[in-house]
């Protein structure tokens, strides 16, 4: 069973670019071991693979990378999951509220667009009737 991965292994598995992988490393989400001349070869562990999977899941939920890092870092601490779950719930609740606010704003915008569409159609209909005379 493979417990070490190259940057290209993980990039391919998760459909990412190697540049994105290096960015996640810069953000402190991944901590590969550096080998070879000048330490240019990155070797990722099973832990890095799990952290990458959790990072991508957090992104799909709409969390920022710093929020994802904070939550994921808690899993490296002692196995008391109470604080981890409280933090996760707090972040999720905050994110849900943001999404609900954005949805409300979108509903207002959508109503305005519909009203303008209705008005434009009515004006166009009047113009077309006038031109038919």
N, C-alpha and C. Protein backbone atom coordinates (compact mmCIF):
# COMPACT_ATOMS: atom_id res chain seq x y z
N UNK A 1 0.84 -1.18 0.00
CA UNK A 1 0.00 0.00 0.00
C UNK A 1 0.89 1.25 0.00
N UNK A 2 0.59 2.19 -0.88
CA UNK A 2 1.37 3.41 -1.01
C UNK A 2 1.02 4.36 0.13
N UNK A 3 2.02 4.82 0.86
CA UNK A 3 1.77 5.79 1.92
C UNK A 3 2.47 7.10 1.62
N UNK A 4 3.20 7.16 0.51
CA UNK A 4 3.84 8.39 0.09
C UNK A 4 3.41 8.71 -1.34
N UNK A 5 3.30 10.00 -1.62
CA UNK A 5 2.81 10.43 -2.91
C UNK A 5 3.67 11.57 -3.43
N UNK A 6 3.81 11.62 -4.73
CA UNK A 6 4.49 12.77 -5.35
C UNK A 6 3.45 13.86 -5.57
N UNK A 7 3.93 15.04 -5.90
CA UNK A 7 3.01 16.15 -6.16
C UNK A 7 2.12 15.82 -7.35
N UNK A 8 2.69 15.16 -8.36
CA UNK A 8 1.88 14.82 -9.54
C UNK A 8 0.87 13.72 -9.23
N UNK A 9 1.21 12.80 -8.32
CA UNK A 9 0.25 11.76 -7.92
C UNK A 9 -1.02 12.39 -7.34
N UNK A 10 -0.83 13.28 -6.37
CA UNK A 10 -1.99 13.89 -5.71
C UNK A 10 -2.70 14.87 -6.64
N UNK A 11 -1.94 15.61 -7.42
CA UNK A 11 -2.58 16.55 -8.36
C UNK A 11 -3.48 15.79 -9.33
N UNK A 12 -3.00 14.67 -9.82
CA UNK A 12 -3.80 13.86 -10.75
C UNK A 12 -5.02 13.26 -10.05
N UNK A 13 -4.81 12.71 -8.86
CA UNK A 13 -5.91 12.07 -8.13
C UNK A 13 -7.04 13.05 -7.83
N UNK A 14 -6.69 14.30 -7.47
CA UNK A 14 -7.70 15.27 -7.07
C UNK A 14 -8.00 16.29 -8.17
N UNK A 15 -7.49 16.04 -9.38
CA UNK A 15 -7.73 16.91 -10.53
C UNK A 15 -7.33 18.35 -10.23
N UNK A 16 -6.10 18.52 -9.76
CA UNK A 16 -5.55 19.83 -9.44
C UNK A 16 -4.30 20.07 -10.27
N UNK A 17 -3.87 21.31 -10.30
CA UNK A 17 -2.57 21.60 -10.90
C UNK A 17 -1.51 21.50 -9.81
N UNK A 18 -0.28 21.29 -10.23
CA UNK A 18 0.80 21.26 -9.24
C UNK A 18 0.96 22.65 -8.61
N UNK A 19 0.61 23.67 -9.36
CA UNK A 19 0.66 25.03 -8.81
C UNK A 19 -0.32 25.17 -7.64
N UNK A 20 -1.53 24.61 -7.79
CA UNK A 20 -2.51 24.64 -6.70
C UNK A 20 -1.98 23.89 -5.49
N UNK A 21 -1.32 22.77 -5.73
CA UNK A 21 -0.75 21.99 -4.64
C UNK A 21 0.29 22.83 -3.87
N UNK A 22 1.14 23.52 -4.61
CA UNK A 22 2.16 24.36 -3.97
C UNK A 22 1.51 25.51 -3.20
N UNK A 23 0.40 26.04 -3.74
CA UNK A 23 -0.33 27.10 -3.06
C UNK A 23 -0.87 26.58 -1.72
N UNK A 24 -1.47 25.39 -1.72
CA UNK A 24 -1.98 24.80 -0.48
C UNK A 24 -0.84 24.59 0.51
N UNK A 25 0.32 24.24 0.00
CA UNK A 25 1.49 24.09 0.87
C UNK A 25 1.86 25.45 1.47
N UNK A 26 1.88 26.49 0.64
CA UNK A 26 2.19 27.84 1.13
C UNK A 26 1.19 28.31 2.19
N UNK A 27 -0.06 27.88 2.06
CA UNK A 27 -1.11 28.27 3.01
C UNK A 27 -1.03 27.45 4.31
N UNK A 28 -0.14 26.48 4.37
CA UNK A 28 0.02 25.67 5.57
C UNK A 28 -0.94 24.51 5.66
N UNK A 29 -1.60 24.20 4.56
CA UNK A 29 -2.54 23.08 4.55
C UNK A 29 -1.85 21.75 4.33
N UNK A 30 -0.74 21.77 3.62
CA UNK A 30 0.03 20.56 3.34
C UNK A 30 1.47 20.79 3.80
N UNK A 31 2.10 19.71 4.26
CA UNK A 31 3.47 19.81 4.74
C UNK A 31 4.30 18.66 4.20
N UNK A 32 4.60 18.67 2.89
CA UNK A 32 5.37 17.57 2.32
C UNK A 32 6.82 17.61 2.81
N UNK A 33 7.43 16.45 2.76
CA UNK A 33 8.85 16.34 3.03
C UNK A 33 9.59 16.71 1.74
N UNK A 34 10.69 17.42 1.86
CA UNK A 34 11.46 17.83 0.69
C UNK A 34 12.70 16.96 0.58
N UNK A 35 12.92 16.41 -0.61
CA UNK A 35 14.06 15.52 -0.86
C UNK A 35 14.79 15.95 -2.12
N UNK A 36 15.90 15.28 -2.37
CA UNK A 36 16.63 15.49 -3.62
C UNK A 36 17.48 16.74 -3.59
N UNK A 37 18.13 17.02 -4.72
CA UNK A 37 18.99 18.20 -4.81
C UNK A 37 18.20 19.47 -4.50
N UNK A 38 18.70 20.26 -3.62
CA UNK A 38 18.07 21.53 -3.21
C UNK A 38 16.69 21.34 -2.59
N UNK A 39 16.31 20.12 -2.26
CA UNK A 39 15.02 19.86 -1.63
C UNK A 39 13.84 20.18 -2.52
N UNK A 40 14.02 20.04 -3.83
CA UNK A 40 12.96 20.41 -4.77
C UNK A 40 11.87 19.34 -4.92
N UNK A 41 12.19 18.09 -4.61
CA UNK A 41 11.20 17.02 -4.76
C UNK A 41 10.33 16.97 -3.50
N UNK A 42 9.02 17.06 -3.71
CA UNK A 42 8.08 17.01 -2.60
C UNK A 42 7.55 15.58 -2.45
N UNK A 43 7.53 15.12 -1.21
CA UNK A 43 6.98 13.80 -0.91
C UNK A 43 5.86 14.00 0.11
N UNK A 44 4.65 13.64 -0.31
CA UNK A 44 3.46 13.83 0.53
C UNK A 44 3.12 12.53 1.25
N UNK A 45 2.66 12.68 2.48
CA UNK A 45 2.29 11.52 3.30
C UNK A 45 0.78 11.26 3.18
N UNK A 46 0.36 10.16 3.80
CA UNK A 46 -1.07 9.86 3.84
C UNK A 46 -1.81 10.97 4.58
N UNK A 47 -1.16 11.56 5.59
CA UNK A 47 -1.75 12.69 6.33
C UNK A 47 -1.99 13.87 5.38
N UNK A 48 -1.01 14.17 4.52
CA UNK A 48 -1.17 15.26 3.55
C UNK A 48 -2.33 14.96 2.61
N UNK A 49 -2.44 13.71 2.19
CA UNK A 49 -3.53 13.33 1.27
C UNK A 49 -4.88 13.57 1.94
N UNK A 50 -5.00 13.18 3.20
CA UNK A 50 -6.25 13.38 3.95
C UNK A 50 -6.53 14.88 4.11
N UNK A 51 -5.50 15.64 4.45
CA UNK A 51 -5.67 17.09 4.62
C UNK A 51 -6.10 17.73 3.29
N UNK A 52 -5.56 17.25 2.17
CA UNK A 52 -5.96 17.78 0.87
C UNK A 52 -7.42 17.46 0.58
N UNK A 53 -7.82 16.23 0.88
CA UNK A 53 -9.22 15.83 0.66
C UNK A 53 -10.15 16.71 1.51
N UNK A 54 -9.79 16.93 2.78
CA UNK A 54 -10.61 17.77 3.65
C UNK A 54 -10.62 19.22 3.19
N UNK A 55 -9.51 19.70 2.69
CA UNK A 55 -9.42 21.07 2.17
C UNK A 55 -10.37 21.26 1.00
N UNK A 56 -10.37 20.31 0.09
CA UNK A 56 -11.24 20.41 -1.09
C UNK A 56 -12.70 20.29 -0.69
N UNK A 57 -12.99 19.48 0.32
CA UNK A 57 -14.37 19.38 0.82
C UNK A 57 -14.80 20.71 1.42
N UNK A 58 -13.91 21.33 2.18
CA UNK A 58 -14.22 22.63 2.79
C UNK A 58 -14.45 23.68 1.72
N UNK A 59 -13.65 23.64 0.66
CA UNK A 59 -13.84 24.60 -0.45
C UNK A 59 -15.21 24.40 -1.09
N UNK A 60 -15.63 23.14 -1.27
CA UNK A 60 -16.95 22.88 -1.86
C UNK A 60 -18.06 23.42 -0.97
N UNK A 61 -17.83 23.44 0.34
CA UNK A 61 -18.80 24.01 1.27
C UNK A 61 -18.77 25.53 1.25
N UNK A 62 -17.75 26.09 0.60
CA UNK A 62 -17.64 27.54 0.50
C UNK A 62 -16.81 28.17 1.60
N UNK A 63 -16.09 27.37 2.35
CA UNK A 63 -15.25 27.90 3.41
C UNK A 63 -13.97 28.49 2.81
N UNK A 64 -13.42 29.48 3.47
CA UNK A 64 -12.14 30.03 3.03
C UNK A 64 -11.04 29.04 3.38
N UNK A 65 -9.88 29.20 2.75
CA UNK A 65 -8.77 28.30 3.03
C UNK A 65 -8.28 28.47 4.47
N UNK A 66 -8.34 29.68 5.00
CA UNK A 66 -7.91 29.86 6.39
C UNK A 66 -8.89 29.19 7.35
N UNK A 67 -10.19 29.24 7.05
CA UNK A 67 -11.17 28.54 7.88
C UNK A 67 -10.93 27.03 7.79
N UNK A 68 -10.68 26.56 6.57
CA UNK A 68 -10.41 25.13 6.38
C UNK A 68 -9.17 24.71 7.18
N UNK A 69 -8.11 25.52 7.09
CA UNK A 69 -6.87 25.20 7.81
C UNK A 69 -7.12 25.15 9.31
N UNK A 70 -7.86 26.12 9.85
CA UNK A 70 -8.13 26.14 11.29
C UNK A 70 -8.85 24.86 11.73
N UNK A 71 -9.83 24.45 10.96
CA UNK A 71 -10.60 23.26 11.32
C UNK A 71 -9.74 22.01 11.16
N UNK A 72 -9.03 21.91 10.05
CA UNK A 72 -8.21 20.73 9.79
C UNK A 72 -7.08 20.62 10.81
N UNK A 73 -6.50 21.76 11.19
CA UNK A 73 -5.42 21.74 12.19
C UNK A 73 -5.89 21.18 13.52
N UNK A 74 -7.15 21.36 13.85
CA UNK A 74 -7.67 20.83 15.10
C UNK A 74 -7.59 19.31 15.13
N UNK A 75 -7.66 18.67 13.97
CA UNK A 75 -7.61 17.22 13.93
C UNK A 75 -6.20 16.68 14.19
N UNK A 76 -5.21 17.57 14.15
CA UNK A 76 -3.84 17.17 14.49
C UNK A 76 -3.59 17.26 15.98
N UNK A 77 -4.51 17.88 16.70
CA UNK A 77 -4.36 18.03 18.15
C UNK A 77 -4.86 16.76 18.83
N UNK A 78 -4.77 16.70 20.15
CA UNK A 78 -5.29 15.51 20.84
C UNK A 78 -6.73 15.20 20.43
N UNK A 79 -7.11 13.98 20.57
CA UNK A 79 -8.37 13.47 20.01
C UNK A 79 -9.63 13.90 20.74
N UNK A 80 -9.61 15.00 21.47
CA UNK A 80 -10.84 15.51 22.09
C UNK A 80 -11.65 16.18 21.00
N UNK A 81 -12.68 15.52 20.51
CA UNK A 81 -13.43 16.03 19.37
C UNK A 81 -14.46 17.09 19.72
N UNK A 82 -14.74 17.29 21.00
CA UNK A 82 -15.71 18.31 21.41
C UNK A 82 -15.35 19.69 20.90
N UNK A 83 -14.15 20.21 21.19
CA UNK A 83 -13.77 21.53 20.68
C UNK A 83 -13.75 21.58 19.15
N UNK A 84 -13.34 20.48 18.53
CA UNK A 84 -13.31 20.44 17.07
C UNK A 84 -14.72 20.60 16.50
N UNK A 85 -15.66 19.87 17.07
CA UNK A 85 -17.03 19.93 16.57
C UNK A 85 -17.67 21.29 16.85
N UNK A 86 -17.38 21.87 18.01
CA UNK A 86 -17.91 23.21 18.31
C UNK A 86 -17.38 24.23 17.30
N UNK A 87 -16.09 24.18 17.01
CA UNK A 87 -15.48 25.10 16.05
C UNK A 87 -16.09 24.88 14.66
N UNK A 88 -16.22 23.63 14.27
CA UNK A 88 -16.78 23.30 12.97
C UNK A 88 -18.21 23.82 12.86
N UNK A 89 -19.02 23.60 13.89
CA UNK A 89 -20.41 24.10 13.89
C UNK A 89 -20.45 25.61 13.82
N UNK A 90 -19.57 26.28 14.55
CA UNK A 90 -19.54 27.74 14.54
C UNK A 90 -19.22 28.25 13.13
N UNK A 91 -18.23 27.65 12.48
CA UNK A 91 -17.85 28.07 11.13
C UNK A 91 -19.00 27.78 10.16
N UNK A 92 -19.61 26.61 10.26
CA UNK A 92 -20.72 26.26 9.37
C UNK A 92 -21.91 27.20 9.56
N UNK A 93 -22.24 27.51 10.81
CA UNK A 93 -23.37 28.42 11.07
C UNK A 93 -23.09 29.81 10.48
N UNK A 94 -21.89 30.29 10.67
CA UNK A 94 -21.52 31.60 10.11
C UNK A 94 -21.60 31.57 8.59
N UNK A 95 -21.11 30.50 8.00
CA UNK A 95 -21.14 30.39 6.54
C UNK A 95 -22.58 30.27 6.03
N UNK A 96 -23.41 29.51 6.74
CA UNK A 96 -24.81 29.38 6.35
C UNK A 96 -25.50 30.73 6.37
N UNK A 97 -25.24 31.53 7.42
CA UNK A 97 -25.84 32.87 7.50
C UNK A 97 -25.40 33.73 6.32
N UNK A 98 -24.13 33.66 5.96
CA UNK A 98 -23.64 34.43 4.80
C UNK A 98 -24.37 33.99 3.53
N UNK A 99 -24.50 32.68 3.35
CA UNK A 99 -25.19 32.18 2.16
C UNK A 99 -26.65 32.61 2.14
N UNK A 100 -27.30 32.58 3.30
CA UNK A 100 -28.70 33.00 3.37
C UNK A 100 -28.85 34.48 3.03
N UNK A 101 -27.91 35.30 3.49
CA UNK A 101 -27.93 36.73 3.15
C UNK A 101 -27.71 36.93 1.65
N UNK A 102 -26.77 36.18 1.10
CA UNK A 102 -26.53 36.28 -0.34
C UNK A 102 -27.75 35.83 -1.13
N UNK A 103 -28.41 34.78 -0.66
CA UNK A 103 -29.60 34.29 -1.36
C UNK A 103 -30.71 35.33 -1.30
N UNK A 104 -30.87 35.98 -0.17
CA UNK A 104 -31.89 37.03 -0.05
C UNK A 104 -31.58 38.17 -1.01
N UNK A 105 -30.31 38.57 -1.08
CA UNK A 105 -29.91 39.62 -2.03
C UNK A 105 -30.18 39.19 -3.46
N UNK A 106 -29.89 37.95 -3.76
CA UNK A 106 -30.14 37.45 -5.12
C UNK A 106 -31.64 37.44 -5.44
N UNK A 107 -32.47 37.09 -4.45
CA UNK A 107 -33.91 37.10 -4.67
C UNK A 107 -34.40 38.51 -4.97
N UNK A 108 -33.88 39.50 -4.26
CA UNK A 108 -34.24 40.90 -4.52
C UNK A 108 -33.82 41.29 -5.94
N UNK A 109 -32.58 40.95 -6.29
CA UNK A 109 -32.09 41.27 -7.63
C UNK A 109 -32.90 40.58 -8.71
N UNK A 110 -33.25 39.32 -8.47
CA UNK A 110 -34.04 38.57 -9.43
C UNK A 110 -35.42 39.21 -9.61
N UNK A 111 -36.03 39.66 -8.53
CA UNK A 111 -37.33 40.34 -8.63
C UNK A 111 -37.21 41.62 -9.45
N UNK A 112 -36.13 42.36 -9.24
CA UNK A 112 -35.92 43.59 -10.02
C UNK A 112 -35.74 43.28 -11.49
N UNK A 113 -34.98 42.25 -11.80
CA UNK A 113 -34.77 41.86 -13.20
C UNK A 113 -36.09 41.47 -13.83
N UNK A 114 -36.90 40.70 -13.11
CA UNK A 114 -38.20 40.29 -13.64
C UNK A 114 -39.10 41.51 -13.90
N UNK A 115 -39.08 42.47 -12.99
CA UNK A 115 -39.89 43.67 -13.16
C UNK A 115 -39.43 44.45 -14.39
N UNK A 116 -38.13 44.58 -14.58
CA UNK A 116 -37.60 45.29 -15.76
C UNK A 116 -37.92 44.54 -17.05
N UNK A 117 -37.84 43.23 -16.99
CA UNK A 117 -38.21 42.42 -18.16
C UNK A 117 -39.67 42.65 -18.53
N UNK A 118 -40.54 42.62 -17.53
CA UNK A 118 -41.97 42.81 -17.76
C UNK A 118 -42.23 44.19 -18.36
N UNK A 119 -41.58 45.20 -17.80
CA UNK A 119 -41.74 46.57 -18.30
C UNK A 119 -41.23 46.70 -19.74
N UNK A 120 -40.07 46.10 -20.01
CA UNK A 120 -39.50 46.18 -21.36
C UNK A 120 -40.40 45.45 -22.36
N UNK A 121 -40.96 44.32 -21.99
CA UNK A 121 -41.86 43.58 -22.90
C UNK A 121 -43.12 44.41 -23.19
N UNK A 122 -43.66 45.04 -22.15
CA UNK A 122 -44.86 45.87 -22.34
C UNK A 122 -44.55 47.04 -23.27
N UNK A 123 -43.42 47.69 -23.08
CA UNK A 123 -43.04 48.80 -23.95
C UNK A 123 -42.81 48.33 -25.38
N UNK A 124 -42.17 47.18 -25.52
CA UNK A 124 -41.93 46.63 -26.86
C UNK A 124 -43.25 46.27 -27.54
N UNK A 125 -44.16 45.71 -26.78
CA UNK A 125 -45.47 45.36 -27.33
C UNK A 125 -46.21 46.61 -27.80
N UNK A 126 -46.16 47.69 -27.00
CA UNK A 126 -46.78 48.94 -27.40
C UNK A 126 -46.15 49.47 -28.68
N UNK A 127 -44.83 49.42 -28.73
CA UNK A 127 -44.10 49.93 -29.91
C UNK A 127 -44.45 49.12 -31.14
N UNK A 128 -44.54 47.82 -31.03
CA UNK A 128 -44.86 46.96 -32.16
C UNK A 128 -46.32 47.20 -32.62
N UNK A 129 -47.26 47.41 -31.69
CA UNK A 129 -48.64 47.71 -32.06
C UNK A 129 -48.71 49.05 -32.78
N UNK A 130 -47.95 50.03 -32.30
CA UNK A 130 -47.93 51.35 -32.92
C UNK A 130 -47.38 51.29 -34.34
N UNK A 131 -46.37 50.45 -34.54
CA UNK A 131 -45.76 50.32 -35.87
C UNK A 131 -46.66 49.54 -36.83
N UNK A 132 -47.56 48.73 -36.30
CA UNK A 132 -48.48 47.96 -37.14
C UNK A 132 -49.59 48.85 -37.70
N UNK A 133 -49.84 49.98 -37.08
CA UNK A 133 -50.94 50.85 -37.53
C UNK A 133 -50.64 51.51 -38.81
